[in-house]
């Protein structure tokens, strides 16, 4: 998985490319720990994310909880496969997906 980072003031966008799974979830978790202290809003761009596993969902839930106390978390450009995972797991009701 590749993570591209773009920060504009207190807003951070992370674009993910590839698979967010058991192998790559710790990489995203590490990036979020390093980056979220100095931001108010977080946007995750999933335009090039092919797949998400339960390990990836766990990282998203953790980020959602942390960012809810600030300006929030939103997810953009979700493909059909990832959207189906969100719907089946109930994450579609929890997360802000645009």
PDB file of N, CA and C in Angstrom:
ATOM      1  N   UNK A   1       0.846  -1.176   0.000  1.00  0.00           N
ATOM      2  CA  UNK A   1       0.000   0.000   0.000  1.00  0.00           C
ATOM      3  C   UNK A   1       0.889   1.237   0.000  1.00  0.00           C
ATOM      4  N   UNK A   2       0.442   2.237  -0.734  1.00  0.00           N
ATOM      5  CA  UNK A   2       1.132   3.519  -0.780  1.00  0.00           C
ATOM      6  C   UNK A   2       0.250   4.566  -0.122  1.00  0.00           C
ATOM      7  N   UNK A   3       0.840   5.414   0.718  1.00  0.00           N
ATOM      8  CA  UNK A   3       0.121   6.506   1.375  1.00  0.00           C
ATOM      9  C   UNK A   3       0.708   7.826   0.896  1.00  0.00           C
ATOM     10  N   UNK A   4      -0.139   8.655   0.293  1.00  0.00           N
ATOM     11  CA  UNK A   4       0.268   9.998  -0.111  1.00  0.00           C
ATOM     12  C   UNK A   4      -0.358  10.978   0.867  1.00  0.00           C
ATOM     13  N   UNK A   5       0.435  11.948   1.283  1.00  0.00           N
ATOM     14  CA  UNK A   5       0.021  12.858   2.345  1.00  0.00           C
ATOM     15  C   UNK A   5       0.004  14.290   1.832  1.00  0.00           C
ATOM     16  N   UNK A   6      -1.087  15.009   2.126  1.00  0.00           N
ATOM     17  CA  UNK A   6      -1.185  16.415   1.761  1.00  0.00           C
ATOM     18  C   UNK A   6      -1.812  17.169   2.928  1.00  0.00           C
ATOM     19  N   UNK A   7      -1.062  18.119   3.488  1.00  0.00           N
ATOM     20  CA  UNK A   7      -1.569  18.883   4.623  1.00  0.00           C
ATOM     21  C   UNK A   7      -1.765  20.331   4.213  1.00  0.00           C
ATOM     22  N   UNK A   8      -2.905  20.879   4.625  1.00  0.00           N
ATOM     23  CA  UNK A   8      -3.229  22.274   4.364  1.00  0.00           C
ATOM     24  C   UNK A   8      -3.678  22.880   5.685  1.00  0.00           C
ATOM     25  N   UNK A   9      -2.765  23.514   6.389  1.00  0.00           N
ATOM     26  CA  UNK A   9      -3.080  24.047   7.712  1.00  0.00           C
ATOM     27  C   UNK A   9      -3.356  22.910   8.678  1.00  0.00           C
ATOM     28  N   UNK A  10      -4.565  22.913   9.243  1.00  0.00           N
ATOM     29  CA  UNK A  10      -4.942  21.870  10.208  1.00  0.00           C
ATOM     30  C   UNK A  10      -5.773  20.758   9.561  1.00  0.00           C
ATOM     31  N   UNK A  11      -5.798  20.735   8.229  1.00  0.00           N
ATOM     32  CA  UNK A  11      -6.522  19.700   7.492  1.00  0.00           C
ATOM     33  C   UNK A  11      -5.513  18.781   6.804  1.00  0.00           C
ATOM     34  N   UNK A  12      -5.712  17.495   6.970  1.00  0.00           N
ATOM     35  CA  UNK A  12      -4.822  16.495   6.382  1.00  0.00           C
ATOM     36  C   UNK A  12      -5.617  15.562   5.487  1.00  0.00           C
ATOM     37  N   UNK A  13      -5.074  15.293   4.295  1.00  0.00           N
ATOM     38  CA  UNK A  13      -5.647  14.297   3.396  1.00  0.00           C
ATOM     39  C   UNK A  13      -4.611  13.208   3.175  1.00  0.00           C
ATOM     40  N   UNK A  14      -5.037  11.974   3.387  1.00  0.00           N
ATOM     41  CA  UNK A  14      -4.200  10.812   3.093  1.00  0.00           C
ATOM     42  C   UNK A  14      -4.869  10.041   1.969  1.00  0.00           C
ATOM     43  N   UNK A  15      -4.158   9.855   0.873  1.00  0.00           N
ATOM     44  CA  UNK A  15      -4.653   9.066  -0.251  1.00  0.00           C
ATOM     45  C   UNK A  15      -4.001   7.690  -0.174  1.00  0.00           C
ATOM     46  N   UNK A  16      -4.835   6.652  -0.139  1.00  0.00           N
ATOM     47  CA  UNK A  16      -4.333   5.287  -0.025  1.00  0.00           C
ATOM     48  C   UNK A  16      -4.440   4.583  -1.371  1.00  0.00           C
ATOM     49  N   UNK A  17      -3.412   3.833  -1.700  1.00  0.00           N
ATOM     50  CA  UNK A  17      -3.393   3.093  -2.959  1.00  0.00           C
ATOM     51  C   UNK A  17      -2.991   1.660  -2.673  1.00  0.00           C
ATOM     52  N   UNK A  18      -3.777   0.711  -3.183  1.00  0.00           N
ATOM     53  CA  UNK A  18      -3.457  -0.706  -2.993  1.00  0.00           C
ATOM     54  C   UNK A  18      -4.449  -1.385  -2.069  1.00  0.00           C
ATOM     55  N   UNK A  19      -3.917  -2.181  -1.134  1.00  0.00           N
ATOM     56  CA  UNK A  19      -4.742  -2.972  -0.217  1.00  0.00           C
ATOM     57  C   UNK A  19      -4.488  -2.552   1.224  1.00  0.00           C
ATOM     58  N   UNK A  20      -5.575  -2.328   1.960  1.00  0.00           N
ATOM     59  CA  UNK A  20      -5.480  -2.042   3.389  1.00  0.00           C
ATOM     60  C   UNK A  20      -5.891  -3.320   4.107  1.00  0.00           C
ATOM     61  N   UNK A  21      -4.885  -4.087   4.516  1.00  0.00           N
ATOM     62  CA  UNK A  21      -5.149  -5.400   5.103  1.00  0.00           C
ATOM     63  C   UNK A  21      -4.249  -5.629   6.316  1.00  0.00           C
ATOM     64  N   UNK A  22      -4.145  -6.852   6.759  1.00  0.00           N
ATOM     65  CA  UNK A  22      -3.365  -7.194   7.945  1.00  0.00           C
ATOM     66  C   UNK A  22      -1.906  -6.770   7.823  1.00  0.00           C
ATOM     67  N   UNK A  23      -1.365  -6.858   6.629  1.00  0.00           N
ATOM     68  CA  UNK A  23       0.035  -6.510   6.403  1.00  0.00           C
ATOM     69  C   UNK A  23       0.243  -4.999   6.399  1.00  0.00           C
ATOM     70  N   UNK A  24      -0.684  -4.243   5.798  1.00  0.00           N
ATOM     71  CA  UNK A  24      -0.481  -2.809   5.607  1.00  0.00           C
ATOM     72  C   UNK A  24      -1.167  -1.932   6.646  1.00  0.00           C
ATOM     73  N   UNK A  25      -2.126  -2.472   7.393  1.00  0.00           N
ATOM     74  CA  UNK A  25      -2.838  -1.674   8.406  1.00  0.00           C
ATOM     75  C   UNK A  25      -1.891  -1.038   9.426  1.00  0.00           C
ATOM     76  N   UNK A  26      -0.851  -1.748   9.902  1.00  0.00           N
ATOM     77  CA  UNK A  26       0.072  -1.106  10.847  1.00  0.00           C
ATOM     78  C   UNK A  26       0.779   0.118  10.252  1.00  0.00           C
ATOM     79  N   UNK A  27       1.011   0.111   8.948  1.00  0.00           N
ATOM     80  CA  UNK A  27       1.635   1.258   8.283  1.00  0.00           C
ATOM     81  C   UNK A  27       0.722   2.489   8.355  1.00  0.00           C
ATOM     82  N   UNK A  28      -0.574   2.296   8.087  1.00  0.00           N
ATOM     83  CA  UNK A  28      -1.528   3.404   8.183  1.00  0.00           C
ATOM     84  C   UNK A  28      -1.666   3.857   9.633  1.00  0.00           C
ATOM     85  N   UNK A  29      -1.731   2.917  10.540  1.00  0.00           N
ATOM     86  CA  UNK A  29      -1.842   3.241  11.963  1.00  0.00           C
ATOM     87  C   UNK A  29      -0.658   4.100  12.420  1.00  0.00           C
ATOM     88  N   UNK A  30       0.531   3.742  11.985  1.00  0.00           N
ATOM     89  CA  UNK A  30       1.739   4.495  12.325  1.00  0.00           C
ATOM     90  C   UNK A  30       1.673   5.911  11.757  1.00  0.00           C
ATOM     91  N   UNK A  31       1.251   6.032  10.510  1.00  0.00           N
ATOM     92  CA  UNK A  31       1.123   7.344   9.871  1.00  0.00           C
ATOM     93  C   UNK A  31       0.098   8.213  10.604  1.00  0.00           C
ATOM     94  N   UNK A  32      -1.019   7.618  10.995  1.00  0.00           N
ATOM     95  CA  UNK A  32      -2.051   8.367  11.706  1.00  0.00           C
ATOM     96  C   UNK A  32      -1.556   8.822  13.076  1.00  0.00           C
ATOM     97  N   UNK A  33      -0.869   7.969  13.792  1.00  0.00           N
ATOM     98  CA  UNK A  33      -0.331   8.357  15.105  1.00  0.00           C
ATOM     99  C   UNK A  33       0.628   9.528  14.980  1.00  0.00           C
ATOM    100  N   UNK A  34       1.425   9.519  13.928  1.00  0.00           N
ATOM    101  CA  UNK A  34       2.418  10.574  13.726  1.00  0.00           C
ATOM    102  C   UNK A  34       1.790  11.883  13.247  1.00  0.00           C
ATOM    103  N   UNK A  35       0.641  11.813  12.615  1.00  0.00           N
ATOM    104  CA  UNK A  35       0.088  12.986  11.938  1.00  0.00           C
ATOM    105  C   UNK A  35      -1.121  13.628  12.597  1.00  0.00           C
ATOM    106  N   UNK A  36      -1.909  12.901  13.355  1.00  0.00           N
ATOM    107  CA  UNK A  36      -3.203  13.424  13.790  1.00  0.00           C
ATOM    108  C   UNK A  36      -3.137  14.394  14.963  1.00  0.00           C
ATOM    109  N   UNK A  37      -2.055  14.433  15.698  1.00  0.00           N
ATOM    110  CA  UNK A  37      -1.976  15.345  16.842  1.00  0.00           C
ATOM    111  C   UNK A  37      -2.068  16.807  16.415  1.00  0.00           C
ATOM    112  N   UNK A  38      -1.530  17.134  15.252  1.00  0.00           N
ATOM    113  CA  UNK A  38      -1.446  18.527  14.813  1.00  0.00           C
ATOM    114  C   UNK A  38      -2.563  18.938  13.862  1.00  0.00           C
ATOM    115  N   UNK A  39      -3.592  18.091  13.684  1.00  0.00           N
ATOM    116  CA  UNK A  39      -4.652  18.418  12.720  1.00  0.00           C
ATOM    117  C   UNK A  39      -6.014  18.435  13.392  1.00  0.00           C
ATOM    118  N   UNK A  40      -6.967  19.088  12.718  1.00  0.00           N
ATOM    119  CA  UNK A  40      -8.351  19.134  13.186  1.00  0.00           C
ATOM    120  C   UNK A  40      -9.276  18.264  12.338  1.00  0.00           C
ATOM    121  N   UNK A  41      -8.971  18.166  11.040  1.00  0.00           N
ATOM    122  CA  UNK A  41      -9.804  17.349  10.158  1.00  0.00           C
ATOM    123  C   UNK A  41      -8.929  16.395   9.349  1.00  0.00           C
ATOM    124  N   UNK A  42      -9.476  15.213   9.126  1.00  0.00           N
ATOM    125  CA  UNK A  42      -8.767  14.174   8.381  1.00  0.00           C
ATOM    126  C   UNK A  42      -9.668  13.682   7.259  1.00  0.00           C
ATOM    127  N   UNK A  43      -9.114  13.655   6.050  1.00  0.00           N
ATOM    128  CA  UNK A  43      -9.805  13.106   4.894  1.00  0.00           C
ATOM    129  C   UNK A  43      -8.988  11.929   4.381  1.00  0.00           C
ATOM    130  N   UNK A  44      -9.651  10.808   4.167  1.00  0.00           N
ATOM    131  CA  UNK A  44      -9.015   9.642   3.569  1.00  0.00           C
ATOM    132  C   UNK A  44      -9.571   9.480   2.165  1.00  0.00           C
ATOM    133  N   UNK A  45      -8.691   9.520   1.189  1.00  0.00           N
ATOM    134  CA  UNK A  45      -9.065   9.389  -0.215  1.00  0.00           C
ATOM    135  C   UNK A  45      -8.838   7.938  -0.628  1.00  0.00           C
ATOM    136  N   UNK A  46      -9.935   7.239  -0.922  1.00  0.00           N
ATOM    137  CA  UNK A  46      -9.871   5.818  -1.259  1.00  0.00           C
ATOM    138  C   UNK A  46     -10.010   5.579  -2.760  1.00  0.00           C
ATOM    139  N   UNK A  47      -9.752   6.591  -3.595  1.00  0.00           N
ATOM    140  CA  UNK A  47      -9.923   6.453  -5.048  1.00  0.00           C
ATOM    141  C   UNK A  47      -9.114   5.286  -5.611  1.00  0.00           C
ATOM    142  N   UNK A  48      -7.950   5.026  -5.033  1.00  0.00           N
ATOM    143  CA  UNK A  48      -7.086   3.958  -5.545  1.00  0.00           C
ATOM    144  C   UNK A  48      -6.933   2.810  -4.556  1.00  0.00           C
ATOM    145  N   UNK A  49      -7.834   2.745  -3.568  1.00  0.00           N
ATOM    146  CA  UNK A  49      -7.812   1.630  -2.617  1.00  0.00           C
ATOM    147  C   UNK A  49      -8.619   0.477  -3.201  1.00  0.00           C
ATOM    148  N   UNK A  50      -7.971  -0.676  -3.353  1.00  0.00           N
ATOM    149  CA  UNK A  50      -8.611  -1.827  -3.994  1.00  0.00           C
ATOM    150  C   UNK A  50      -9.371  -2.716  -3.021  1.00  0.00           C
ATOM    151  N   UNK A  51      -8.935  -2.744  -1.768  1.00  0.00           N
ATOM    152  CA  UNK A  51      -9.460  -3.742  -0.830  1.00  0.00           C
ATOM    153  C   UNK A  51      -9.253  -3.257   0.592  1.00  0.00           C
ATOM    154  N   UNK A  52     -10.169  -3.620   1.497  1.00  0.00           N
ATOM    155  CA  UNK A  52      -9.999  -3.337   2.918  1.00  0.00           C
ATOM    156  C   UNK A  52     -10.424  -4.570   3.712  1.00  0.00           C
ATOM    157  N   UNK A  53      -9.609  -4.945   4.699  1.00  0.00           N
ATOM    158  CA  UNK A  53      -9.906  -6.099   5.547  1.00  0.00           C
ATOM    159  C   UNK A  53     -10.343  -5.619   6.925  1.00  0.00           C
ATOM    160  N   UNK A  54     -10.625  -6.561   7.806  1.00  0.00           N
ATOM    161  CA  UNK A  54     -11.022  -6.213   9.171  1.00  0.00           C
ATOM    162  C   UNK A  54      -9.921  -5.456   9.904  1.00  0.00           C
ATOM    163  N   UNK A  55      -8.674  -5.742   9.591  1.00  0.00           N
ATOM    164  CA  UNK A  55      -7.561  -5.006  10.207  1.00  0.00           C
ATOM    165  C   UNK A  55      -7.607  -3.539   9.779  1.00  0.00           C
ATOM    166  N   UNK A  56      -7.931  -3.286   8.530  1.00  0.00           N
ATOM    167  CA  UNK A  56      -8.076  -1.913   8.051  1.00  0.00           C
ATOM    168  C   UNK A  56      -9.263  -1.220   8.684  1.00  0.00           C
ATOM    169  N   UNK A  57     -10.358  -1.956   8.853  1.00  0.00           N
ATOM    170  CA  UNK A  57     -11.540  -1.393   9.506  1.00  0.00           C
ATOM    171  C   UNK A  57     -11.230  -0.988  10.944  1.00  0.00           C
ATOM    172  N   UNK A  58     -10.430  -1.778  11.624  1.00  0.00           N
ATOM    173  CA  UNK A  58     -10.050  -1.470  13.008  1.00  0.00           C
ATOM    174  C   UNK A  58      -9.298  -0.146  13.062  1.00  0.00           C
ATOM    175  N   UNK A  59      -8.384   0.077  12.129  1.00  0.00           N
ATOM    176  CA  UNK A  59      -7.623   1.331  12.080  1.00  0.00           C
ATOM    177  C   UNK A  59      -8.567   2.507  11.790  1.00  0.00           C
ATOM    178  N   UNK A  60      -9.521   2.312  10.888  1.00  0.00           N
ATOM    179  CA  UNK A  60     -10.479   3.375  10.581  1.00  0.00           C
ATOM    180  C   UNK A  60     -11.341   3.717  11.790  1.00  0.00           C
ATOM    181  N   UNK A  61     -11.771   2.707  12.526  1.00  0.00           N
ATOM    182  CA  UNK A  61     -12.591   2.939  13.713  1.00  0.00           C
ATOM    183  C   UNK A  61     -11.814   3.725  14.757  1.00  0.00           C
ATOM    184  N   UNK A  62     -10.573   3.380  14.955  1.00  0.00           N
ATOM    185  CA  UNK A  62      -9.719   4.096  15.894  1.00  0.00           C
ATOM    186  C   UNK A  62      -9.534   5.553  15.464  1.00  0.00           C
ATOM    187  N   UNK A  63      -9.280   5.775  14.181  1.00  0.00           N
ATOM    188  CA  UNK A  63      -9.114   7.136  13.662  1.00  0.00           C
ATOM    189  C   UNK A  63     -10.414   7.922  13.791  1.00  0.00           C
ATOM    190  N   UNK A  64     -11.534   7.260  13.532  1.00  0.00           N
ATOM    191  CA  UNK A  64     -12.840   7.908  13.651  1.00  0.00           C
ATOM    192  C   UNK A  64     -13.069   8.377  15.089  1.00  0.00           C
ATOM    193  N   UNK A  65     -12.764   7.531  16.051  1.00  0.00           N
ATOM    194  CA  UNK A  65     -12.943   7.902  17.461  1.00  0.00           C
ATOM    195  C   UNK A  65     -12.068   9.088  17.830  1.00  0.00           C
ATOM    196  N   UNK A  66     -10.819   9.068  17.408  1.00  0.00           N
ATOM    197  CA  UNK A  66      -9.905  10.170  17.726  1.00  0.00           C
ATOM    198  C   UNK A  66     -10.346  11.471  17.056  1.00  0.00           C
ATOM    199  N   UNK A  67     -10.706  11.405  15.790  1.00  0.00           N
ATOM    200  CA  UNK A  67     -11.038  12.618  15.050  1.00  0.00           C
ATOM    201  C   UNK A  67     -12.430  13.153  15.405  1.00  0.00           C
ATOM    202  N   UNK A  68     -13.306  12.332  15.963  1.00  0.00           N
ATOM    203  CA  UNK A  68     -14.628  12.805  16.378  1.00  0.00           C
ATOM    204  C   UNK A  68     -14.519  13.856  17.466  1.00  0.00           C
ATOM    205  N   UNK A  69     -13.472  13.771  18.270  1.00  0.00           N
ATOM    206  CA  UNK A  69     -13.249  14.755  19.326  1.00  0.00           C
ATOM    207  C   UNK A  69     -12.706  16.064  18.755  1.00  0.00           C
ATOM    208  N   UNK A  70     -12.336  16.052  17.499  1.00  0.00           N
ATOM    209  CA  UNK A  70     -11.791  17.245  16.831  1.00  0.00           C
ATOM    210  C   UNK A  70     -12.774  17.672  15.754  1.00  0.00           C
ATOM    211  N   UNK A  71     -12.278  17.896  14.549  1.00  0.00           N
ATOM    212  CA  UNK A  71     -13.125  18.354  13.446  1.00  0.00           C
ATOM    213  C   UNK A  71     -13.771  17.246  12.643  1.00  0.00           C
ATOM    214  N   UNK A  72     -13.306  16.025  12.815  1.00  0.00           N
ATOM    215  CA  UNK A  72     -13.944  14.912  12.138  1.00  0.00           C
ATOM    216  C   UNK A  72     -13.090  14.219  11.090  1.00  0.00           C
ATOM    217  N   UNK A  73     -13.621  13.097  10.637  1.00  0.00           N
ATOM    218  CA  UNK A  73     -12.995  12.245   9.628  1.00  0.00           C
ATOM    219  C   UNK A  73     -13.998  12.025   8.516  1.00  0.00           C
ATOM    220  N   UNK A  74     -13.543  12.162   7.275  1.00  0.00           N
ATOM    221  CA  UNK A  74     -14.404  11.809   6.145  1.00  0.00           C
ATOM    222  C   UNK A  74     -13.608  10.953   5.176  1.00  0.00           C
ATOM    223  N   UNK A  75     -14.335  10.111   4.473  1.00  0.00           N
ATOM    224  CA  UNK A  75     -13.734   9.210   3.498  1.00  0.00           C
ATOM    225  C   UNK A  75     -14.336   9.537   2.132  1.00  0.00           C
ATOM    226  N   UNK A  76     -13.467   9.687   1.138  1.00  0.00           N
ATOM    227  CA  UNK A  76     -13.913  10.064  -0.203  1.00  0.00           C
ATOM    228  C   UNK A  76     -13.542   8.999  -1.231  1.00  0.00           C
ATOM    229  N   UNK A  77     -14.292   9.005  -2.329  1.00  0.00           N
ATOM    230  CA  UNK A  77     -13.991   8.211  -3.532  1.00  0.00           C
ATOM    231  C   UNK A  77     -13.892   6.708  -3.241  1.00  0.00           C
ATOM    232  N   UNK A  78     -14.892   6.175  -2.579  1.00  0.00           N
ATOM    233  CA  UNK A  78     -14.905   4.755  -2.219  1.00  0.00           C
ATOM    234  C   UNK A  78     -15.439   3.940  -3.396  1.00  0.00           C
ATOM    235  N   UNK A  79     -14.699   2.886  -3.766  1.00  0.00           N
ATOM    236  CA  UNK A  79     -15.171   2.039  -4.867  1.00  0.00           C
ATOM    237  C   UNK A  79     -16.247   1.066  -4.372  1.00  0.00           C
ATOM    238  N   UNK A  80     -16.842   0.335  -5.296  1.00  0.00           N
ATOM    239  CA  UNK A  80     -17.961  -0.558  -4.967  1.00  0.00           C
ATOM    240  C   UNK A  80     -17.558  -1.668  -3.994  1.00  0.00           C
ATOM    241  N   UNK A  81     -16.370  -2.212  -4.155  1.00  0.00           N
ATOM    242  CA  UNK A  81     -15.919  -3.320  -3.307  1.00  0.00           C
ATOM    243  C   UNK A  81     -15.771  -2.860  -1.863  1.00  0.00           C
ATOM    244  N   UNK A  82     -15.102  -1.733  -1.669  1.00  0.00           N
ATOM    245  CA  UNK A  82     -14.902  -1.208  -0.318  1.00  0.00           C
ATOM    246  C   UNK A  82     -16.238  -0.740   0.261  1.00  0.00           C
ATOM    247  N   UNK A  83     -17.089  -0.125  -0.550  1.00  0.00           N
ATOM    248  CA  UNK A  83     -18.400   0.329  -0.080  1.00  0.00           C
ATOM    249  C   UNK A  83     -19.236  -0.856   0.398  1.00  0.00           C
ATOM    250  N   UNK A  84     -19.139  -1.966  -0.299  1.00  0.00           N
ATOM    251  CA  UNK A  84     -19.884  -3.163   0.112  1.00  0.00           C
ATOM    252  C   UNK A  84     -19.405  -3.656   1.475  1.00  0.00           C
ATOM    253  N   UNK A  85     -18.099  -3.622   1.703  1.00  0.00           N
ATOM    254  CA  UNK A  85     -17.553  -4.007   3.019  1.00  0.00           C
ATOM    255  C   UNK A  85     -18.105  -3.072   4.091  1.00  0.00           C
ATOM    256  N   UNK A  86     -18.141  -1.767   3.817  1.00  0.00           N
ATOM    257  CA  UNK A  86     -18.680  -0.802   4.779  1.00  0.00           C
ATOM    258  C   UNK A  86     -20.147  -1.095   5.088  1.00  0.00           C
ATOM    259  N   UNK A  87     -20.919  -1.419   4.060  1.00  0.00           N
ATOM    260  CA  UNK A  87     -22.344  -1.678   4.257  1.00  0.00           C
ATOM    261  C   UNK A  87     -22.585  -2.966   5.048  1.00  0.00           C
ATOM    262  N   UNK A  88     -21.864  -4.022   4.706  1.00  0.00           N
ATOM    263  CA  UNK A  88     -22.049  -5.318   5.372  1.00  0.00           C
ATOM    264  C   UNK A  88     -21.658  -5.252   6.848  1.00  0.00           C
ATOM    265  N   UNK A  89     -20.615  -4.476   7.145  1.00  0.00           N
ATOM    266  CA  UNK A  89     -20.107  -4.403   8.517  1.00  0.00           C
ATOM    267  C   UNK A  89     -20.789  -3.317   9.360  1.00  0.00           C
ATOM    268  N   UNK A  90     -21.595  -2.474   8.733  1.00  0.00           N
ATOM    269  CA  UNK A  90     -22.227  -1.374   9.454  1.00  0.00           C
ATOM    270  C   UNK A  90     -21.385  -0.117   9.523  1.00  0.00           C
ATOM    271  N   UNK A  91     -20.184  -0.150   8.962  1.00  0.00           N
ATOM    272  CA  UNK A  91     -19.328   1.018   8.977  1.00  0.00           C
ATOM    273  C   UNK A  91     -19.898   2.162   8.147  1.00  0.00           C
ATOM    274  N   UNK A  92     -20.747   1.835   7.172  1.00  0.00           N
ATOM    275  CA  UNK A  92     -21.406   2.860   6.374  1.00  0.00           C
ATOM    276  C   UNK A  92     -22.281   3.768   7.216  1.00  0.00           C
ATOM    277  N   UNK A  93     -22.786   3.258   8.338  1.00  0.00           N
ATOM    278  CA  UNK A  93     -23.607   4.048   9.246  1.00  0.00           C
ATOM    279  C   UNK A  93     -22.775   4.865  10.230  1.00  0.00           C
ATOM    280  N   UNK A  94     -21.533   4.464  10.444  1.00  0.00           N
ATOM    281  CA  UNK A  94     -20.661   5.116  11.430  1.00  0.00           C
ATOM    282  C   UNK A  94     -19.817   6.203  10.793  1.00  0.00           C
ATOM    283  N   UNK A  95     -19.236   5.902   9.637  1.00  0.00           N
ATOM    284  CA  UNK A  95     -18.282   6.804   8.991  1.00  0.00           C
ATOM    285  C   UNK A  95     -18.985   7.805   8.071  1.00  0.00           C
ATOM    286  N   UNK A  96     -18.347   8.953   7.870  1.00  0.00           N
ATOM    287  CA  UNK A  96     -18.822   9.933   6.900  1.00  0.00           C
ATOM    288  C   UNK A  96     -18.165   9.608   5.568  1.00  0.00           C
ATOM    289  N   UNK A  97     -18.977   9.124   4.623  1.00  0.00           N
ATOM    290  CA  UNK A  97     -18.459   8.699   3.322  1.00  0.00           C
ATOM    291  C   UNK A  97     -19.067   9.595   2.245  1.00  0.00           C
ATOM    292  N   UNK A  98     -18.180  10.200   1.468  1.00  0.00           N
ATOM    293  CA  UNK A  98     -18.641  11.095   0.399  1.00  0.00           C
ATOM    294  C   UNK A  98     -18.380  10.472  -0.962  1.00  0.00           C
TER     295      UNK A  98
END
